[in-house]
C-alpha atoms as a PDB file:
ATOM      1  CA  UNK A   1    -147.007 -34.138-156.044  1.00  0.00           C
ATOM      2  CA  UNK A   2    -148.039 -32.109-153.342  1.00  0.00           C
ATOM      3  CA  UNK A   3    -145.918 -29.003-151.850  1.00  0.00           C
ATOM      4  CA  UNK A   4    -144.378 -31.260-149.048  1.00  0.00           C
ATOM      5  CA  UNK A   5    -143.952 -34.254-151.620  1.00  0.00           C
ATOM      6  CA  UNK A   6    -141.468 -31.909-153.589  1.00  0.00           C
ATOM      7  CA  UNK A   7    -139.589 -30.521-150.642  1.00  0.00           C
ATOM      8  CA  UNK A   8    -136.168 -31.655-148.887  1.00  0.00           C
ATOM      9  CA  UNK A   9    -136.886 -34.157-146.148  1.00  0.00           C
ATOM     10  CA  UNK A  10    -134.228 -32.637-144.145  1.00  0.00           C
ATOM     11  CA  UNK A  11    -136.137 -30.453-141.256  1.00  0.00           C
ATOM     12  CA  UNK A  12    -135.071 -26.898-141.928  1.00  0.00           C
ATOM     13  CA  UNK A  13    -134.668 -27.396-145.418  1.00  0.00           C
ATOM     14  CA  UNK A  14    -136.990 -25.676-148.173  1.00  0.00           C
ATOM     15  CA  UNK A  15    -135.530 -26.643-151.641  1.00  0.00           C
ATOM     16  CA  UNK A  16    -137.086 -28.860-153.985  1.00  0.00           C
ATOM     17  CA  UNK A  17    -135.862 -32.415-154.024  1.00  0.00           C
ATOM     18  CA  UNK A  18    -133.521 -33.407-156.923  1.00  0.00           C
ATOM     19  CA  UNK A  19    -134.552 -35.871-159.371  1.00  0.00           C
ATOM     20  CA  UNK A  20    -133.190 -39.197-159.710  1.00  0.00           C
ATOM     21  CA  UNK A  21    -132.636 -40.914-163.022  1.00  0.00           C
ATOM     22  CA  UNK A  22    -134.130 -44.479-162.731  1.00  0.00           C
ATOM     23  CA  UNK A  23    -134.188 -46.782-165.874  1.00  0.00           C
ATOM     24  CA  UNK A  24    -135.540 -44.441-168.845  1.00  0.00           C
ATOM     25  CA  UNK A  25    -137.086 -41.912-166.697  1.00  0.00           C
ATOM     26  CA  UNK A  26    -136.741 -39.770-163.280  1.00  0.00           C
ATOM     27  CA  UNK A  27    -138.242 -39.940-160.035  1.00  0.00           C
ATOM     28  CA  UNK A  28    -138.094 -37.340-157.079  1.00  0.00           C
ATOM     29  CA  UNK A  29    -135.547 -38.004-154.552  1.00  0.00           C
ATOM     30  CA  UNK A  30    -136.000 -37.253-150.868  1.00  0.00           C
ATOM     31  CA  UNK A  31    -133.501 -34.629-150.466  1.00  0.00           C
ATOM     32  CA  UNK A  32    -132.493 -31.425-152.541  1.00  0.00           C
ATOM     33  CA  UNK A  33    -128.803 -32.851-152.632  1.00  0.00           C
ATOM     34  CA  UNK A  34    -126.111 -34.884-151.250  1.00  0.00           C
ATOM     35  CA  UNK A  35    -125.209 -32.499-148.323  1.00  0.00           C
ATOM     36  CA  UNK A  36    -128.917 -32.811-146.772  1.00  0.00           C
ATOM     37  CA  UNK A  37    -128.903 -36.538-147.321  1.00  0.00           C
ATOM     38  CA  UNK A  38    -125.642 -36.893-145.654  1.00  0.00           C
ATOM     39  CA  UNK A  39    -126.505 -34.534-142.994  1.00  0.00           C
ATOM     40  CA  UNK A  40    -129.625 -36.600-142.112  1.00  0.00           C
ATOM     41  CA  UNK A  41    -127.381 -39.809-142.319  1.00  0.00           C
ATOM     42  CA  UNK A  42    -124.909 -38.595-139.662  1.00  0.00           C
ATOM     43  CA  UNK A  43    -127.765 -36.987-137.529  1.00  0.00           C
ATOM     44  CA  UNK A  44    -129.399 -40.363-137.355  1.00  0.00           C
ATOM     45  CA  UNK A  45    -126.045 -42.000-136.465  1.00  0.00           C
ATOM     46  CA  UNK A  46    -125.268 -39.608-133.800  1.00  0.00           C
ATOM     47  CA  UNK A  47    -128.902 -39.854-132.253  1.00  0.00           C
ATOM     48  CA  UNK A  48    -128.473 -43.708-131.962  1.00  0.00           C
ATOM     49  CA  UNK A  49    -124.990 -43.407-130.456  1.00  0.00           C
ATOM     50  CA  UNK A  50    -124.174 -44.189-126.821  1.00  0.00           C
ATOM     51  CA  UNK A  51    -123.703 -40.926-124.914  1.00  0.00           C
ATOM     52  CA  UNK A  52    -119.966 -39.819-124.462  1.00  0.00           C
ATOM     53  CA  UNK A  53    -118.229 -36.509-124.390  1.00  0.00           C
ATOM     54  CA  UNK A  54    -117.147 -36.922-127.873  1.00  0.00           C
ATOM     55  CA  UNK A  55    -120.889 -37.250-128.871  1.00  0.00           C
ATOM     56  CA  UNK A  56    -121.763 -34.179-127.062  1.00  0.00           C
ATOM     57  CA  UNK A  57    -118.883 -32.077-129.345  1.00  0.00           C
ATOM     58  CA  UNK A  58    -120.042 -33.816-132.314  1.00  0.00           C
ATOM     59  CA  UNK A  59    -123.659 -32.793-131.573  1.00  0.00           C
ATOM     60  CA  UNK A  60    -122.519 -29.230-131.229  1.00  0.00           C
ATOM     61  CA  UNK A  61    -120.629 -29.470-134.571  1.00  0.00           C
ATOM     62  CA  UNK A  62    -123.835 -30.716-136.251  1.00  0.00           C
ATOM     63  CA  UNK A  63    -125.825 -27.742-135.174  1.00  0.00           C
ATOM     64  CA  UNK A  64    -123.132 -25.743-136.681  1.00  0.00           C
ATOM     65  CA  UNK A  65    -123.345 -27.586-139.951  1.00  0.00           C
ATOM     66  CA  UNK A  66    -127.442 -27.432-139.813  1.00  0.00           C
ATOM     67  CA  UNK A  67    -126.888 -23.469-139.638  1.00  0.00           C
ATOM     68  CA  UNK A  68    -124.688 -23.414-142.343  1.00  0.00           C
ATOM     69  CA  UNK A  69    -127.232 -25.777-144.495  1.00  0.00           C
ATOM     70  CA  UNK A  70    -130.112 -23.556-143.586  1.00  0.00           C
ATOM     71  CA  UNK A  71    -128.304 -20.490-144.911  1.00  0.00           C
ATOM     72  CA  UNK A  72    -127.908 -21.797-148.311  1.00  0.00           C
ATOM     73  CA  UNK A  73    -129.112 -19.848-151.091  1.00  0.00           C
ATOM     74  CA  UNK A  74    -128.907 -22.822-153.694  1.00  0.00           C
ATOM     75  CA  UNK A  75    -128.772 -26.741-152.726  1.00  0.00           C
ATOM     76  CA  UNK A  76    -125.283 -26.892-154.456  1.00  0.00           C
ATOM     77  CA  UNK A  77    -123.645 -24.271-152.203  1.00  0.00           C
ATOM     78  CA  UNK A  78    -122.735 -27.154-150.182  1.00  0.00           C
ATOM     79  CA  UNK A  79    -121.780 -30.574-151.583  1.00  0.00           C
ATOM     80  CA  UNK A  80    -121.696 -34.030-150.431  1.00  0.00           C
ATOM     81  CA  UNK A  81    -120.201 -34.017-146.760  1.00  0.00           C
ATOM     82  CA  UNK A  82    -116.462 -35.289-146.819  1.00  0.00           C
ATOM     83  CA  UNK A  83    -115.799 -38.490-144.854  1.00  0.00           C
ATOM     84  CA  UNK A  84    -119.467 -39.656-144.866  1.00  0.00           C
ATOM     85  CA  UNK A  85    -119.712 -42.070-147.649  1.00  0.00           C
ATOM     86  CA  UNK A  86    -115.947 -42.512-148.601  1.00  0.00           C
ATOM     87  CA  UNK A  87    -115.582 -46.085-149.417  1.00  0.00           C
END
């Protein structure tokens, strides 16, 4: 792995990716934890959405969340984002 291969895939995050157990071993994931993975999922969904006044408000909120995530000292300081993957 190179330095960029073991760094979280979310823009602005410098944490190492978490290891994902698969079968009898572990492989590197793409993100440092569920918060970054959820953030990227939400960001992609909003980017693909039709422009509306509500979308503009959501994008503003997303920037606040980006600042929160970028300010963490540890990947687990923020857990999974509520409501993103609730069944």
